[in-house]
Amino acid sequence: MPNKKYEEVKSLANEELLQQIADNKLRLQRLRFNHSVSPLENPNVLGETRKLIARLKTELRKRELSK
């Protein structure tokens, strides 16, 4: 059974994927900086954001290879 999060990623257009990747990379950078200054309440957010970026990049690459 496909993952619900992955299904959401599959429904995005290529431009939306690129925008989401850029937004989440910026978010991850800010989270890392904030975490180094003072610990985050939930540090698992760092890993979740990294995984989301990976899902987005995987879908983009899959589309590139299928062309």
N, C-alpha and C. Protein backbone atom coordinates (compact mmCIF):
# COMPACT_ATOMS: atom_id res chain seq x y z
N MET A 1 0.84 -1.19 0.00
CA MET A 1 0.00 0.00 0.00
C MET A 1 0.89 1.25 0.00
N PRO A 2 0.66 2.17 -0.93
CA PRO A 2 1.48 3.37 -1.01
C PRO A 2 1.33 4.26 0.21
N ASN A 3 2.39 4.98 0.51
CA ASN A 3 2.41 5.89 1.63
C ASN A 3 1.58 7.13 1.30
N LYS A 4 0.78 7.61 2.25
CA LYS A 4 -0.08 8.78 2.04
C LYS A 4 0.76 10.00 1.68
N LYS A 5 1.90 10.18 2.34
CA LYS A 5 2.75 11.33 2.07
C LYS A 5 3.29 11.26 0.64
N TYR A 6 3.64 10.08 0.20
CA TYR A 6 4.17 9.93 -1.15
C TYR A 6 3.08 10.19 -2.18
N GLU A 7 1.86 9.81 -1.89
CA GLU A 7 0.74 10.08 -2.80
C GLU A 7 0.56 11.58 -2.99
N GLU A 8 0.73 12.35 -1.92
CA GLU A 8 0.62 13.80 -2.00
C GLU A 8 1.73 14.36 -2.89
N VAL A 9 2.93 13.81 -2.77
CA VAL A 9 4.07 14.27 -3.56
C VAL A 9 3.83 13.95 -5.03
N LYS A 10 3.28 12.78 -5.34
CA LYS A 10 3.05 12.37 -6.72
C LYS A 10 2.05 13.28 -7.42
N SER A 11 1.15 13.90 -6.67
CA SER A 11 0.12 14.72 -7.28
C SER A 11 0.61 16.13 -7.65
N LEU A 12 1.83 16.50 -7.23
CA LEU A 12 2.36 17.82 -7.52
C LEU A 12 2.93 17.90 -8.93
N ALA A 13 2.88 19.10 -9.51
CA ALA A 13 3.50 19.34 -10.82
C ALA A 13 5.00 19.54 -10.61
N ASN A 14 5.76 19.46 -11.70
CA ASN A 14 7.22 19.60 -11.62
C ASN A 14 7.63 20.93 -11.00
N GLU A 15 6.97 22.02 -11.40
CA GLU A 15 7.31 23.33 -10.85
C GLU A 15 7.02 23.38 -9.35
N GLU A 16 5.92 22.76 -8.94
CA GLU A 16 5.58 22.71 -7.52
C GLU A 16 6.61 21.89 -6.74
N LEU A 17 7.08 20.81 -7.36
CA LEU A 17 8.11 19.99 -6.72
C LEU A 17 9.37 20.81 -6.47
N LEU A 18 9.81 21.54 -7.50
CA LEU A 18 11.01 22.36 -7.36
C LEU A 18 10.83 23.43 -6.30
N GLN A 19 9.64 24.03 -6.25
CA GLN A 19 9.37 25.06 -5.25
C GLN A 19 9.36 24.46 -3.85
N GLN A 20 8.75 23.30 -3.70
CA GLN A 20 8.69 22.63 -2.40
C GLN A 20 10.09 22.25 -1.93
N ILE A 21 10.94 21.78 -2.84
CA ILE A 21 12.31 21.42 -2.48
C ILE A 21 13.05 22.65 -1.97
N ALA A 22 12.94 23.76 -2.68
CA ALA A 22 13.61 24.99 -2.27
C ALA A 22 13.10 25.47 -0.92
N ASP A 23 11.78 25.46 -0.73
CA ASP A 23 11.19 25.92 0.53
C ASP A 23 11.63 25.05 1.70
N ASN A 24 11.64 23.75 1.49
CA ASN A 24 12.00 22.84 2.58
C ASN A 24 13.49 22.87 2.89
N LYS A 25 14.32 23.12 1.88
CA LYS A 25 15.75 23.27 2.15
C LYS A 25 16.00 24.49 3.02
N LEU A 26 15.31 25.58 2.71
CA LEU A 26 15.43 26.80 3.51
C LEU A 26 14.92 26.56 4.92
N ARG A 27 13.80 25.86 5.03
CA ARG A 27 13.23 25.53 6.35
C ARG A 27 14.21 24.69 7.17
N LEU A 28 14.83 23.70 6.52
CA LEU A 28 15.79 22.83 7.21
C LEU A 28 16.99 23.65 7.69
N GLN A 29 17.46 24.54 6.86
CA GLN A 29 18.59 25.38 7.24
C GLN A 29 18.25 26.23 8.47
N ARG A 30 17.06 26.80 8.48
CA ARG A 30 16.62 27.61 9.63
C ARG A 30 16.46 26.77 10.88
N LEU A 31 15.89 25.57 10.71
CA LEU A 31 15.72 24.68 11.85
C LEU A 31 17.07 24.29 12.45
N ARG A 32 18.03 23.97 11.60
CA ARG A 32 19.37 23.61 12.08
C ARG A 32 20.02 24.75 12.83
N PHE A 33 19.87 25.97 12.29
CA PHE A 33 20.44 27.13 12.96
C PHE A 33 19.78 27.35 14.31
N ASN A 34 18.45 27.30 14.34
CA ASN A 34 17.73 27.49 15.60
C ASN A 34 18.08 26.40 16.61
N HIS A 35 18.28 25.19 16.12
CA HIS A 35 18.62 24.08 17.01
C HIS A 35 20.02 24.25 17.59
N SER A 36 20.92 24.85 16.84
CA SER A 36 22.27 25.05 17.36
C SER A 36 22.31 26.17 18.39
N VAL A 37 21.43 27.15 18.24
CA VAL A 37 21.38 28.26 19.20
C VAL A 37 20.70 27.81 20.49
N SER A 38 19.52 27.24 20.35
CA SER A 38 18.81 26.68 21.50
C SER A 38 18.07 25.44 21.04
N PRO A 39 18.11 24.39 21.81
CA PRO A 39 17.52 23.11 21.37
C PRO A 39 16.05 23.24 20.99
N LEU A 40 15.69 22.56 19.92
CA LEU A 40 14.30 22.54 19.50
C LEU A 40 13.48 21.71 20.47
N GLU A 41 12.20 22.06 20.58
CA GLU A 41 11.32 21.29 21.45
C GLU A 41 11.16 19.86 20.93
N ASN A 42 11.08 19.74 19.59
CA ASN A 42 10.95 18.43 18.96
C ASN A 42 12.02 18.30 17.88
N PRO A 43 13.18 17.75 18.20
CA PRO A 43 14.25 17.65 17.21
C PRO A 43 13.95 16.66 16.08
N ASN A 44 12.91 15.86 16.21
CA ASN A 44 12.53 14.93 15.14
C ASN A 44 12.09 15.67 13.88
N VAL A 45 11.76 16.94 14.01
CA VAL A 45 11.34 17.75 12.87
C VAL A 45 12.47 17.83 11.84
N LEU A 46 13.71 17.82 12.31
CA LEU A 46 14.86 17.87 11.41
C LEU A 46 14.85 16.66 10.48
N GLY A 47 14.70 15.49 11.04
CA GLY A 47 14.69 14.26 10.25
C GLY A 47 13.50 14.18 9.31
N GLU A 48 12.34 14.62 9.79
CA GLU A 48 11.13 14.59 8.96
C GLU A 48 11.28 15.51 7.76
N THR A 49 11.89 16.66 7.98
CA THR A 49 12.09 17.60 6.88
C THR A 49 13.08 17.05 5.86
N ARG A 50 14.16 16.42 6.34
CA ARG A 50 15.13 15.79 5.45
C ARG A 50 14.47 14.70 4.60
N LYS A 51 13.62 13.91 5.23
CA LYS A 51 12.94 12.83 4.51
C LYS A 51 11.96 13.38 3.47
N LEU A 52 11.31 14.48 3.80
CA LEU A 52 10.38 15.09 2.85
C LEU A 52 11.14 15.60 1.63
N ILE A 53 12.30 16.22 1.85
CA ILE A 53 13.13 16.70 0.74
C ILE A 53 13.55 15.51 -0.13
N ALA A 54 13.91 14.42 0.51
CA ALA A 54 14.31 13.21 -0.23
C ALA A 54 13.15 12.67 -1.05
N ARG A 55 11.95 12.65 -0.50
CA ARG A 55 10.78 12.18 -1.25
C ARG A 55 10.54 13.05 -2.48
N LEU A 56 10.65 14.36 -2.29
CA LEU A 56 10.42 15.29 -3.40
C LEU A 56 11.47 15.09 -4.49
N LYS A 57 12.73 14.96 -4.10
CA LYS A 57 13.80 14.77 -5.08
C LYS A 57 13.65 13.42 -5.79
N THR A 58 13.23 12.41 -5.08
CA THR A 58 13.05 11.09 -5.67
C THR A 58 11.97 11.13 -6.75
N GLU A 59 10.86 11.78 -6.46
CA GLU A 59 9.78 11.87 -7.43
C GLU A 59 10.22 12.68 -8.65
N LEU A 60 10.95 13.75 -8.43
CA LEU A 60 11.45 14.56 -9.55
C LEU A 60 12.38 13.76 -10.43
N ARG A 61 13.29 13.02 -9.82
CA ARG A 61 14.24 12.19 -10.57
C ARG A 61 13.51 11.07 -11.33
N LYS A 62 12.52 10.49 -10.70
CA LYS A 62 11.74 9.44 -11.34
C LYS A 62 11.06 9.96 -12.60
N ARG A 63 10.56 11.17 -12.53
CA ARG A 63 9.92 11.78 -13.69
C ARG A 63 10.94 12.08 -14.79
N GLU A 64 12.13 12.51 -14.40
CA GLU A 64 13.18 12.79 -15.38
C GLU A 64 13.57 11.52 -16.12
N LEU A 65 13.68 10.42 -15.41
CA LEU A 65 14.10 9.16 -16.03
C LEU A 65 13.01 8.54 -16.90
N SER A 66 11.76 8.85 -16.59
CA SER A 66 10.67 8.25 -17.37
C SER A 66 10.45 8.95 -18.71
N LYS A 67 11.10 10.12 -18.89
CA LYS A 67 10.94 10.83 -20.17
C LYS A 67 11.71 10.18 -21.28
